[in-house]
C-alpha atoms as a PDB file:
ATOM      1  CA  UNK A   1     -22.415 -33.005  23.278  1.00  0.00           C
ATOM      2  CA  UNK A   2     -24.957 -30.258  23.662  1.00  0.00           C
ATOM      3  CA  UNK A   3     -23.662 -28.429  20.613  1.00  0.00           C
ATOM      4  CA  UNK A   4     -24.102 -31.692  18.601  1.00  0.00           C
ATOM      5  CA  UNK A   5     -27.769 -31.803  19.745  1.00  0.00           C
ATOM      6  CA  UNK A   6     -28.480 -28.138  18.873  1.00  0.00           C
ATOM      7  CA  UNK A   7     -26.695 -27.969  15.505  1.00  0.00           C
ATOM      8  CA  UNK A   8     -27.089 -31.588  14.264  1.00  0.00           C
ATOM      9  CA  UNK A   9     -29.770 -34.115  15.102  1.00  0.00           C
ATOM     10  CA  UNK A  10     -28.009 -36.259  17.768  1.00  0.00           C
ATOM     11  CA  UNK A  11     -25.041 -36.467  20.024  1.00  0.00           C
ATOM     12  CA  UNK A  12     -22.815 -39.535  19.933  1.00  0.00           C
ATOM     13  CA  UNK A  13     -20.344 -40.347  22.663  1.00  0.00           C
ATOM     14  CA  UNK A  14     -17.883 -43.213  22.385  1.00  0.00           C
ATOM     15  CA  UNK A  15     -17.491 -45.203  25.604  1.00  0.00           C
ATOM     16  CA  UNK A  16     -13.944 -45.916  26.851  1.00  0.00           C
ATOM     17  CA  UNK A  17     -13.786 -49.007  29.091  1.00  0.00           C
ATOM     18  CA  UNK A  18     -11.066 -50.660  31.097  1.00  0.00           C
ATOM     19  CA  UNK A  19     -10.377 -54.446  30.964  1.00  0.00           C
ATOM     20  CA  UNK A  20     -13.139 -55.085  33.597  1.00  0.00           C
ATOM     21  CA  UNK A  21     -15.693 -53.378  31.407  1.00  0.00           C
ATOM     22  CA  UNK A  22     -16.025 -50.265  33.610  1.00  0.00           C
ATOM     23  CA  UNK A  23     -16.553 -47.003  31.761  1.00  0.00           C
ATOM     24  CA  UNK A  24     -13.592 -44.698  32.295  1.00  0.00           C
ATOM     25  CA  UNK A  25     -14.283 -41.960  29.832  1.00  0.00           C
ATOM     26  CA  UNK A  26     -16.437 -40.552  27.024  1.00  0.00           C
ATOM     27  CA  UNK A  27     -15.417 -39.036  23.697  1.00  0.00           C
ATOM     28  CA  UNK A  28     -17.771 -36.878  21.697  1.00  0.00           C
ATOM     29  CA  UNK A  29     -17.943 -37.946  18.040  1.00  0.00           C
ATOM     30  CA  UNK A  30     -18.651 -35.899  14.915  1.00  0.00           C
ATOM     31  CA  UNK A  31     -22.330 -36.492  14.258  1.00  0.00           C
ATOM     32  CA  UNK A  32     -21.790 -36.190  10.500  1.00  0.00           C
ATOM     33  CA  UNK A  33     -19.352 -39.126  10.686  1.00  0.00           C
ATOM     34  CA  UNK A  34     -21.836 -41.546  12.259  1.00  0.00           C
ATOM     35  CA  UNK A  35     -24.392 -43.543  10.335  1.00  0.00           C
ATOM     36  CA  UNK A  36     -27.125 -45.369  12.244  1.00  0.00           C
ATOM     37  CA  UNK A  37     -29.002 -48.353  10.815  1.00  0.00           C
ATOM     38  CA  UNK A  38     -30.786 -51.527  11.904  1.00  0.00           C
ATOM     39  CA  UNK A  39     -29.003 -54.855  11.592  1.00  0.00           C
ATOM     40  CA  UNK A  40     -30.439 -58.400  12.011  1.00  0.00           C
ATOM     41  CA  UNK A  41     -27.880 -60.411  13.951  1.00  0.00           C
ATOM     42  CA  UNK A  42     -30.170 -63.357  14.549  1.00  0.00           C
ATOM     43  CA  UNK A  43     -31.185 -62.124  18.014  1.00  0.00           C
ATOM     44  CA  UNK A  44     -34.914 -62.183  17.425  1.00  0.00           C
ATOM     45  CA  UNK A  45     -35.253 -58.539  16.488  1.00  0.00           C
ATOM     46  CA  UNK A  46     -33.061 -55.984  14.607  1.00  0.00           C
ATOM     47  CA  UNK A  47     -30.676 -53.919  16.702  1.00  0.00           C
ATOM     48  CA  UNK A  48     -29.081 -50.568  16.012  1.00  0.00           C
ATOM     49  CA  UNK A  49     -25.465 -50.432  14.909  1.00  0.00           C
ATOM     50  CA  UNK A  50     -23.302 -47.411  14.309  1.00  0.00           C
ATOM     51  CA  UNK A  51     -20.989 -47.036  11.303  1.00  0.00           C
ATOM     52  CA  UNK A  52     -18.264 -44.488  12.145  1.00  0.00           C
ATOM     53  CA  UNK A  53     -16.248 -42.994   9.362  1.00  0.00           C
ATOM     54  CA  UNK A  54     -12.536 -42.679  10.377  1.00  0.00           C
ATOM     55  CA  UNK A  55      -9.307 -41.932   8.558  1.00  0.00           C
ATOM     56  CA  UNK A  56      -8.705 -45.616   8.362  1.00  0.00           C
ATOM     57  CA  UNK A  57     -12.111 -46.515   6.983  1.00  0.00           C
ATOM     58  CA  UNK A  58     -15.551 -47.472   8.342  1.00  0.00           C
ATOM     59  CA  UNK A  59     -15.697 -48.860  11.862  1.00  0.00           C
ATOM     60  CA  UNK A  60     -18.843 -50.674  12.983  1.00  0.00           C
ATOM     61  CA  UNK A  61     -19.738 -50.187  16.655  1.00  0.00           C
ATOM     62  CA  UNK A  62     -22.447 -51.929  18.708  1.00  0.00           C
ATOM     63  CA  UNK A  63     -25.197 -50.126  20.445  1.00  0.00           C
ATOM     64  CA  UNK A  64     -23.549 -50.676  23.857  1.00  0.00           C
ATOM     65  CA  UNK A  65     -20.383 -48.942  22.736  1.00  0.00           C
ATOM     66  CA  UNK A  66     -22.103 -45.675  21.966  1.00  0.00           C
ATOM     67  CA  UNK A  67     -24.116 -43.320  24.155  1.00  0.00           C
ATOM     68  CA  UNK A  68     -26.706 -41.794  21.837  1.00  0.00           C
ATOM     69  CA  UNK A  69     -28.608 -38.649  22.841  1.00  0.00           C
ATOM     70  CA  UNK A  70     -31.333 -37.790  20.417  1.00  0.00           C
ATOM     71  CA  UNK A  71     -31.991 -34.167  19.652  1.00  0.00           C
ATOM     72  CA  UNK A  72     -35.012 -32.341  21.117  1.00  0.00           C
ATOM     73  CA  UNK A  73     -37.490 -32.796  18.238  1.00  0.00           C
ATOM     74  CA  UNK A  74     -37.783 -36.636  17.868  1.00  0.00           C
ATOM     75  CA  UNK A  75     -39.736 -38.113  14.992  1.00  0.00           C
ATOM     76  CA  UNK A  76     -41.648 -41.343  15.851  1.00  0.00           C
ATOM     77  CA  UNK A  77     -39.857 -44.301  14.345  1.00  0.00           C
ATOM     78  CA  UNK A  78     -36.783 -42.285  13.275  1.00  0.00           C
ATOM     79  CA  UNK A  79     -33.322 -43.199  14.589  1.00  0.00           C
ATOM     80  CA  UNK A  80     -32.296 -39.672  14.780  1.00  0.00           C
ATOM     81  CA  UNK A  81     -34.043 -36.511  15.883  1.00  0.00           C
ATOM     82  CA  UNK A  82     -34.509 -33.089  14.303  1.00  0.00           C
ATOM     83  CA  UNK A  83     -32.242 -30.331  15.597  1.00  0.00           C
ATOM     84  CA  UNK A  84     -33.682 -26.787  16.114  1.00  0.00           C
ATOM     85  CA  UNK A  85     -31.275 -25.508  13.437  1.00  0.00           C
ATOM     86  CA  UNK A  86     -32.554 -28.055  10.914  1.00  0.00           C
ATOM     87  CA  UNK A  87     -36.179 -27.384  11.832  1.00  0.00           C
ATOM     88  CA  UNK A  88     -35.625 -23.611  11.361  1.00  0.00           C
ATOM     89  CA  UNK A  89     -33.477 -23.727   8.225  1.00  0.00           C
ATOM     90  CA  UNK A  90     -36.035 -21.663   6.227  1.00  0.00           C
ATOM     91  CA  UNK A  91     -36.365 -19.073   8.972  1.00  0.00           C
ATOM     92  CA  UNK A  92     -32.626 -18.894   9.457  1.00  0.00           C
ATOM     93  CA  UNK A  93     -32.175 -18.581   5.660  1.00  0.00           C
ATOM     94  CA  UNK A  94     -34.560 -15.632   5.586  1.00  0.00           C
ATOM     95  CA  UNK A  95     -32.618 -13.824   8.243  1.00  0.00           C
ATOM     96  CA  UNK A  96     -29.254 -14.473   6.603  1.00  0.00           C
ATOM     97  CA  UNK A  97     -30.614 -13.202   3.252  1.00  0.00           C
ATOM     98  CA  UNK A  98     -31.767  -9.980   4.889  1.00  0.00           C
ATOM     99  CA  UNK A  99     -28.376  -9.346   6.533  1.00  0.00           C
ATOM    100  CA  UNK A 100     -26.599 -10.186   3.325  1.00  0.00           C
ATOM    101  CA  UNK A 101     -28.807  -7.808   1.342  1.00  0.00           C
ATOM    102  CA  UNK A 102     -28.174  -4.975   3.811  1.00  0.00           C
ATOM    103  CA  UNK A 103     -24.424  -5.581   3.735  1.00  0.00           C
ATOM    104  CA  UNK A 104     -24.281  -5.503  -0.039  1.00  0.00           C
ATOM    105  CA  UNK A 105     -26.636  -2.522  -0.237  1.00  0.00           C
ATOM    106  CA  UNK A 106     -24.501  -0.279   1.900  1.00  0.00           C
ATOM    107  CA  UNK A 107     -21.109  -1.878   1.178  1.00  0.00           C
ATOM    108  CA  UNK A 108     -21.405  -1.528  -2.589  1.00  0.00           C
ATOM    109  CA  UNK A 109     -23.299   1.750  -2.429  1.00  0.00           C
ATOM    110  CA  UNK A 110     -25.861   0.239  -4.801  1.00  0.00           C
ATOM    111  CA  UNK A 111     -28.353   3.044  -4.365  1.00  0.00           C
ATOM    112  CA  UNK A 112     -28.863   6.114  -6.545  1.00  0.00           C
ATOM    113  CA  UNK A 113     -28.732   9.401  -4.646  1.00  0.00           C
ATOM    114  CA  UNK A 114     -30.436  11.400  -7.359  1.00  0.00           C
ATOM    115  CA  UNK A 115     -31.135  11.865 -11.068  1.00  0.00           C
ATOM    116  CA  UNK A 116     -30.873  14.748 -13.557  1.00  0.00           C
ATOM    117  CA  UNK A 117     -33.957  15.479 -15.632  1.00  0.00           C
ATOM    118  CA  UNK A 118     -33.499  17.599 -18.749  1.00  0.00           C
ATOM    119  CA  UNK A 119     -35.916  18.531 -21.519  1.00  0.00           C
ATOM    120  CA  UNK A 120     -35.462  17.042 -24.888  1.00  0.00           C
ATOM    121  CA  UNK A 121     -33.452  13.937 -25.895  1.00  0.00           C
ATOM    122  CA  UNK A 122     -29.843  13.379 -24.774  1.00  0.00           C
ATOM    123  CA  UNK A 123     -27.399  11.306 -26.682  1.00  0.00           C
ATOM    124  CA  UNK A 124     -25.467   8.694 -24.747  1.00  0.00           C
ATOM    125  CA  UNK A 125     -22.217  10.630 -25.167  1.00  0.00           C
ATOM    126  CA  UNK A 126     -23.858  13.826 -23.845  1.00  0.00           C
ATOM    127  CA  UNK A 127     -25.359  12.020 -20.825  1.00  0.00           C
ATOM    128  CA  UNK A 128     -22.058  10.365 -20.041  1.00  0.00           C
ATOM    129  CA  UNK A 129     -20.229  13.671 -20.116  1.00  0.00           C
ATOM    130  CA  UNK A 130     -22.815  15.337 -17.837  1.00  0.00           C
ATOM    131  CA  UNK A 131     -22.598  12.421 -15.401  1.00  0.00           C
ATOM    132  CA  UNK A 132     -18.746  12.524 -15.406  1.00  0.00           C
ATOM    133  CA  UNK A 133     -18.857  16.294 -14.866  1.00  0.00           C
ATOM    134  CA  UNK A 134     -21.229  15.988 -11.851  1.00  0.00           C
ATOM    135  CA  UNK A 135     -19.187  13.242 -10.242  1.00  0.00           C
ATOM    136  CA  UNK A 136     -15.931  15.205 -10.760  1.00  0.00           C
ATOM    137  CA  UNK A 137     -17.329  18.332  -9.144  1.00  0.00           C
ATOM    138  CA  UNK A 138     -19.559  16.934  -6.424  1.00  0.00           C
ATOM    139  CA  UNK A 139     -18.432  13.312  -5.776  1.00  0.00           C
ATOM    140  CA  UNK A 140     -16.708  12.394  -2.499  1.00  0.00           C
ATOM    141  CA  UNK A 141     -17.095  13.624   1.085  1.00  0.00           C
ATOM    142  CA  UNK A 142     -14.661  16.519   0.592  1.00  0.00           C
ATOM    143  CA  UNK A 143     -16.907  18.019  -2.064  1.00  0.00           C
ATOM    144  CA  UNK A 144     -20.181  17.556  -0.253  1.00  0.00           C
ATOM    145  CA  UNK A 145     -22.493  20.595   0.026  1.00  0.00           C
ATOM    146  CA  UNK A 146     -20.667  22.286  -2.879  1.00  0.00           C
ATOM    147  CA  UNK A 147     -22.688  24.723  -4.971  1.00  0.00           C
ATOM    148  CA  UNK A 148     -23.973  23.196  -8.202  1.00  0.00           C
ATOM    149  CA  UNK A 149     -25.408  24.818 -11.329  1.00  0.00           C
ATOM    150  CA  UNK A 150     -27.605  23.178 -13.919  1.00  0.00           C
ATOM    151  CA  UNK A 151     -28.559  24.847 -17.213  1.00  0.00           C
ATOM    152  CA  UNK A 152     -30.656  24.267 -20.253  1.00  0.00           C
ATOM    153  CA  UNK A 153     -33.800  23.509 -18.192  1.00  0.00           C
ATOM    154  CA  UNK A 154     -32.148  20.543 -16.379  1.00  0.00           C
ATOM    155  CA  UNK A 155     -33.440  19.715 -12.827  1.00  0.00           C
ATOM    156  CA  UNK A 156     -31.901  17.658  -9.995  1.00  0.00           C
ATOM    157  CA  UNK A 157     -34.286  15.109  -8.539  1.00  0.00           C
ATOM    158  CA  UNK A 158     -33.087  13.485  -5.223  1.00  0.00           C
ATOM    159  CA  UNK A 159     -34.004   9.888  -4.585  1.00  0.00           C
ATOM    160  CA  UNK A 160     -35.010   9.218  -0.961  1.00  0.00           C
ATOM    161  CA  UNK A 161     -33.931   5.998   0.755  1.00  0.00           C
ATOM    162  CA  UNK A 162     -35.064   4.422   4.034  1.00  0.00           C
ATOM    163  CA  UNK A 163     -31.960   2.861   5.634  1.00  0.00           C
ATOM    164  CA  UNK A 164     -34.171   0.784   8.000  1.00  0.00           C
ATOM    165  CA  UNK A 165     -35.846  -0.833   5.117  1.00  0.00           C
ATOM    166  CA  UNK A 166     -32.597  -1.513   3.357  1.00  0.00           C
ATOM    167  CA  UNK A 167     -31.203  -3.247   6.413  1.00  0.00           C
ATOM    168  CA  UNK A 168     -34.380  -5.288   6.882  1.00  0.00           C
ATOM    169  CA  UNK A 169     -34.415  -4.619  10.661  1.00  0.00           C
ATOM    170  CA  UNK A 170     -38.017  -5.808  11.082  1.00  0.00           C
ATOM    171  CA  UNK A 171     -37.222  -8.997   9.121  1.00  0.00           C
ATOM    172  CA  UNK A 172     -34.120  -9.655  11.189  1.00  0.00           C
ATOM    173  CA  UNK A 173     -36.012  -8.962  14.422  1.00  0.00           C
ATOM    174  CA  UNK A 174     -38.769 -11.388  13.428  1.00  0.00           C
ATOM    175  CA  UNK A 175     -36.241 -14.057  12.415  1.00  0.00           C
ATOM    176  CA  UNK A 176     -34.404 -13.693  15.782  1.00  0.00           C
ATOM    177  CA  UNK A 177     -37.621 -14.172  17.706  1.00  0.00           C
ATOM    178  CA  UNK A 178     -38.619 -17.175  15.656  1.00  0.00           C
ATOM    179  CA  UNK A 179     -35.214 -18.861  16.127  1.00  0.00           C
ATOM    180  CA  UNK A 180     -35.188 -18.066  19.860  1.00  0.00           C
ATOM    181  CA  UNK A 181     -38.565 -19.652  20.317  1.00  0.00           C
ATOM    182  CA  UNK A 182     -37.329 -22.937  18.787  1.00  0.00           C
ATOM    183  CA  UNK A 183     -34.530 -23.058  21.389  1.00  0.00           C
ATOM    184  CA  UNK A 184     -36.972 -22.112  24.170  1.00  0.00           C
ATOM    185  CA  UNK A 185     -35.214 -18.764  24.775  1.00  0.00           C
ATOM    186  CA  UNK A 186     -37.640 -15.970  25.818  1.00  0.00           C
ATOM    187  CA  UNK A 187     -37.901 -13.349  23.126  1.00  0.00           C
ATOM    188  CA  UNK A 188     -36.796 -10.493  25.406  1.00  0.00           C
ATOM    189  CA  UNK A 189     -33.309 -12.083  25.620  1.00  0.00           C
ATOM    190  CA  UNK A 190     -32.687 -11.487  21.885  1.00  0.00           C
ATOM    191  CA  UNK A 191     -34.581  -8.211  21.419  1.00  0.00           C
ATOM    192  CA  UNK A 192     -33.228  -6.438  24.460  1.00  0.00           C
ATOM    193  CA  UNK A 193     -30.556  -4.690  22.480  1.00  0.00           C
ATOM    194  CA  UNK A 194     -33.156  -2.850  20.409  1.00  0.00           C
ATOM    195  CA  UNK A 195     -36.088  -2.467  22.813  1.00  0.00           C
ATOM    196  CA  UNK A 196     -34.540  -2.766  26.200  1.00  0.00           C
ATOM    197  CA  UNK A 197     -34.790  -5.516  28.732  1.00  0.00           C
ATOM    198  CA  UNK A 198     -38.599  -5.737  28.963  1.00  0.00           C
ATOM    199  CA  UNK A 199     -41.041  -8.596  28.694  1.00  0.00           C
ATOM    200  CA  UNK A 200     -43.664 -10.557  30.411  1.00  0.00           C
ATOM    201  CA  UNK A 201     -41.803 -10.907  33.642  1.00  0.00           C
ATOM    202  CA  UNK A 202     -39.644  -8.665  35.838  1.00  0.00           C
ATOM    203  CA  UNK A 203     -36.808  -9.548  38.208  1.00  0.00           C
ATOM    204  CA  UNK A 204     -33.842 -11.755  37.567  1.00  0.00           C
ATOM    205  CA  UNK A 205     -35.267 -14.882  39.250  1.00  0.00           C
ATOM    206  CA  UNK A 206     -38.523 -14.789  37.348  1.00  0.00           C
ATOM    207  CA  UNK A 207     -36.665 -14.252  34.035  1.00  0.00           C
ATOM    208  CA  UNK A 208     -34.196 -17.079  34.653  1.00  0.00           C
ATOM    209  CA  UNK A 209     -37.090 -19.356  35.777  1.00  0.00           C
ATOM    210  CA  UNK A 210     -38.980 -18.558  32.521  1.00  0.00           C
ATOM    211  CA  UNK A 211     -35.947 -19.528  30.482  1.00  0.00           C
ATOM    212  CA  UNK A 212     -35.517 -22.691  32.576  1.00  0.00           C
ATOM    213  CA  UNK A 213     -39.173 -23.784  32.033  1.00  0.00           C
ATOM    214  CA  UNK A 214     -39.312 -22.994  28.349  1.00  0.00           C
ATOM    215  CA  UNK A 215     -35.949 -24.103  27.098  1.00  0.00           C
ATOM    216  CA  UNK A 216     -33.442 -25.492  29.585  1.00  0.00           C
ATOM    217  CA  UNK A 217     -35.607 -28.021  31.554  1.00  0.00           C
ATOM    218  CA  UNK A 218     -36.144 -30.389  28.612  1.00  0.00           C
ATOM    219  CA  UNK A 219     -32.424 -30.323  27.652  1.00  0.00           C
ATOM    220  CA  UNK A 220     -31.270 -30.837  31.249  1.00  0.00           C
ATOM    221  CA  UNK A 221     -33.646 -33.716  31.744  1.00  0.00           C
ATOM    222  CA  UNK A 222     -32.635 -35.340  28.503  1.00  0.00           C
ATOM    223  CA  UNK A 223     -28.969 -35.221  29.455  1.00  0.00           C
ATOM    224  CA  UNK A 224     -29.633 -36.384  32.957  1.00  0.00           C
ATOM    225  CA  UNK A 225     -31.476 -39.509  31.717  1.00  0.00           C
ATOM    226  CA  UNK A 226     -28.775 -40.235  29.141  1.00  0.00           C
ATOM    227  CA  UNK A 227     -25.859 -40.069  31.576  1.00  0.00           C
ATOM    228  CA  UNK A 228     -27.810 -41.834  34.298  1.00  0.00           C
ATOM    229  CA  UNK A 229     -28.094 -44.817  32.082  1.00  0.00           C
ATOM    230  CA  UNK A 230     -24.313 -45.325  32.457  1.00  0.00           C
ATOM    231  CA  UNK A 231     -24.648 -45.644  36.260  1.00  0.00           C
ATOM    232  CA  UNK A 232     -25.537 -48.777  38.226  1.00  0.00           C
ATOM    233  CA  UNK A 233     -29.060 -48.738  39.589  1.00  0.00           C
ATOM    234  CA  UNK A 234     -30.361 -46.983  41.663  1.00  0.00           C
ATOM    235  CA  UNK A 235     -27.696 -44.311  41.177  1.00  0.00           C
ATOM    236  CA  UNK A 236     -28.512 -41.426  38.896  1.00  0.00           C
ATOM    237  CA  UNK A 237     -27.091 -38.107  37.721  1.00  0.00           C
ATOM    238  CA  UNK A 238     -28.742 -34.794  38.714  1.00  0.00           C
ATOM    239  CA  UNK A 239     -27.616 -31.375  37.527  1.00  0.00           C
ATOM    240  CA  UNK A 240     -27.843 -28.703  40.159  1.00  0.00           C
ATOM    241  CA  UNK A 241     -29.445 -25.547  38.875  1.00  0.00           C
ATOM    242  CA  UNK A 242     -29.983 -23.940  42.199  1.00  0.00           C
ATOM    243  CA  UNK A 243     -27.046 -21.561  41.835  1.00  0.00           C
ATOM    244  CA  UNK A 244     -28.329 -20.425  38.441  1.00  0.00           C
ATOM    245  CA  UNK A 245     -31.970 -20.081  39.562  1.00  0.00           C
ATOM    246  CA  UNK A 246     -30.896 -17.770  42.386  1.00  0.00           C
ATOM    247  CA  UNK A 247     -33.357 -15.467  43.972  1.00  0.00           C
ATOM    248  CA  UNK A 248     -32.516 -11.888  44.951  1.00  0.00           C
ATOM    249  CA  UNK A 249     -31.323 -11.264  48.564  1.00  0.00           C
ATOM    250  CA  UNK A 250     -34.802 -10.160  49.860  1.00  0.00           C
ATOM    251  CA  UNK A 251     -36.483 -13.244  48.378  1.00  0.00           C
ATOM    252  CA  UNK A 252     -33.738 -15.566  49.724  1.00  0.00           C
ATOM    253  CA  UNK A 253     -34.078 -14.112  53.240  1.00  0.00           C
ATOM    254  CA  UNK A 254     -37.852 -14.728  53.219  1.00  0.00           C
ATOM    255  CA  UNK A 255     -37.312 -18.292  51.864  1.00  0.00           C
ATOM    256  CA  UNK A 256     -34.753 -19.136  54.562  1.00  0.00           C
ATOM    257  CA  UNK A 257     -36.910 -17.737  57.359  1.00  0.00           C
ATOM    258  CA  UNK A 258     -39.884 -19.823  56.219  1.00  0.00           C
ATOM    259  CA  UNK A 259     -37.631 -22.902  56.028  1.00  0.00           C
ATOM    260  CA  UNK A 260     -36.322 -22.337  59.532  1.00  0.00           C
ATOM    261  CA  UNK A 261     -39.774 -21.726  61.009  1.00  0.00           C
ATOM    262  CA  UNK A 262     -41.090 -24.759  59.270  1.00  0.00           C
ATOM    263  CA  UNK A 263     -38.082 -26.828  60.551  1.00  0.00           C
ATOM    264  CA  UNK A 264     -37.191 -28.077  57.075  1.00  0.00           C
ATOM    265  CA  UNK A 265     -34.043 -25.968  56.859  1.00  0.00           C
ATOM    266  CA  UNK A 266     -31.197 -25.773  59.327  1.00  0.00           C
ATOM    267  CA  UNK A 267     -28.575 -23.119  59.715  1.00  0.00           C
ATOM    268  CA  UNK A 268     -25.982 -25.264  57.849  1.00  0.00           C
ATOM    269  CA  UNK A 269     -28.512 -25.972  55.146  1.00  0.00           C
ATOM    270  CA  UNK A 270     -28.857 -22.252  54.556  1.00  0.00           C
ATOM    271  CA  UNK A 271     -25.091 -21.675  54.782  1.00  0.00           C
ATOM    272  CA  UNK A 272     -24.548 -24.470  52.229  1.00  0.00           C
ATOM    273  CA  UNK A 273     -26.992 -22.743  49.809  1.00  0.00           C
ATOM    274  CA  UNK A 274     -25.038 -19.516  50.271  1.00  0.00           C
ATOM    275  CA  UNK A 275     -21.613 -21.295  49.679  1.00  0.00           C
ATOM    276  CA  UNK A 276     -20.573 -20.785  53.278  1.00  0.00           C
ATOM    277  CA  UNK A 277     -18.785 -23.192  55.633  1.00  0.00           C
ATOM    278  CA  UNK A 278     -20.911 -25.014  58.169  1.00  0.00           C
ATOM    279  CA  UNK A 279     -21.044 -23.974  61.837  1.00  0.00           C
ATOM    280  CA  UNK A 280     -20.729 -26.332  64.891  1.00  0.00           C
ATOM    281  CA  UNK A 281     -24.247 -27.218  65.951  1.00  0.00           C
ATOM    282  CA  UNK A 282     -25.773 -25.825  62.859  1.00  0.00           C
ATOM    283  CA  UNK A 283     -27.407 -29.063  61.890  1.00  0.00           C
ATOM    284  CA  UNK A 284     -30.007 -28.848  64.694  1.00  0.00           C
ATOM    285  CA  UNK A 285     -33.344 -27.536  63.446  1.00  0.00           C
ATOM    286  CA  UNK A 286     -34.649 -24.333  65.020  1.00  0.00           C
ATOM    287  CA  UNK A 287     -37.561 -25.384  67.166  1.00  0.00           C
ATOM    288  CA  UNK A 288     -40.299 -22.765  66.994  1.00  0.00           C
ATOM    289  CA  UNK A 289     -42.761 -22.394  69.831  1.00  0.00           C
ATOM    290  CA  UNK A 290     -45.671 -22.610  67.387  1.00  0.00           C
ATOM    291  CA  UNK A 291     -44.549 -26.121  66.411  1.00  0.00           C
ATOM    292  CA  UNK A 292     -44.015 -27.511  69.882  1.00  0.00           C
ATOM    293  CA  UNK A 293     -46.495 -30.050  71.182  1.00  0.00           C
ATOM    294  CA  UNK A 294     -48.532 -29.287  74.275  1.00  0.00           C
ATOM    295  CA  UNK A 295     -47.300 -32.117  76.495  1.00  0.00           C
ATOM    296  CA  UNK A 296     -48.640 -32.420  80.025  1.00  0.00           C
ATOM    297  CA  UNK A 297     -46.074 -31.813  82.871  1.00  0.00           C
ATOM    298  CA  UNK A 298     -44.614 -34.820  84.622  1.00  0.00           C
ATOM    299  CA  UNK A 299     -46.620 -35.930  87.729  1.00  0.00           C
ATOM    300  CA  UNK A 300     -45.102 -35.093  91.084  1.00  0.00           C
ATOM    301  CA  UNK A 301     -42.916 -37.799  92.655  1.00  0.00           C
END
């Protein structure tokens, strides 16, 4: 379902129900096989129906038979959203063209290593014989660095090439950053291979939190709302990202100590966050002396 949202413009899940109408399963459909349109069924206002292309023909499904999750760039009034891939098709095309050019440039050897300049005019046959003679004596790795002799005033002029320009590394890097920004991925995640893991933040927790805030939060929230609509109220679905947004050991110790002193974390709460089994009596908060009330002693009997 998430791949459908990222690559296409929507995710479509077909609901499987039992005889009592209870949902027992979901099947992800090919977004390209689903056509959405409004239909007037005499209910006062048009409703959305889904035409699904199958091997047996077109099957029309009602809105309550499909769970539709619109992609992350919705257009007002449009039935389907705009996927990041579609929104960035020109940027992606530029990057693909740069990679394709580099592959052809080096794969086909389409660059001239040098030229021979000679005084006077050469006939085509003379130039071809000279070229054939040079390739025969100096072509190939085994004949590299061999001694060559030119006569008749001829000169060898090497042609310089910059491999980095031929590969379009700067273009590819710019394309990667542009695409990553559409998906909410911090640029340092896609440029780390060339520049090292550096960026605006340091530390694993801060880096993960940045990615969560810029890219993952919207996607997680969108899926939570969509799947929560399948549950009876007030039940809802919530994805747990605590294990992914995990602080380093020193930060976790400080967090747990603050929780215990503030009496909003128990020993078993902490052990649960650390994937450890609970302890007997571990559900009782740690009562700190700084939080105890100053109650007067009982009067003597």
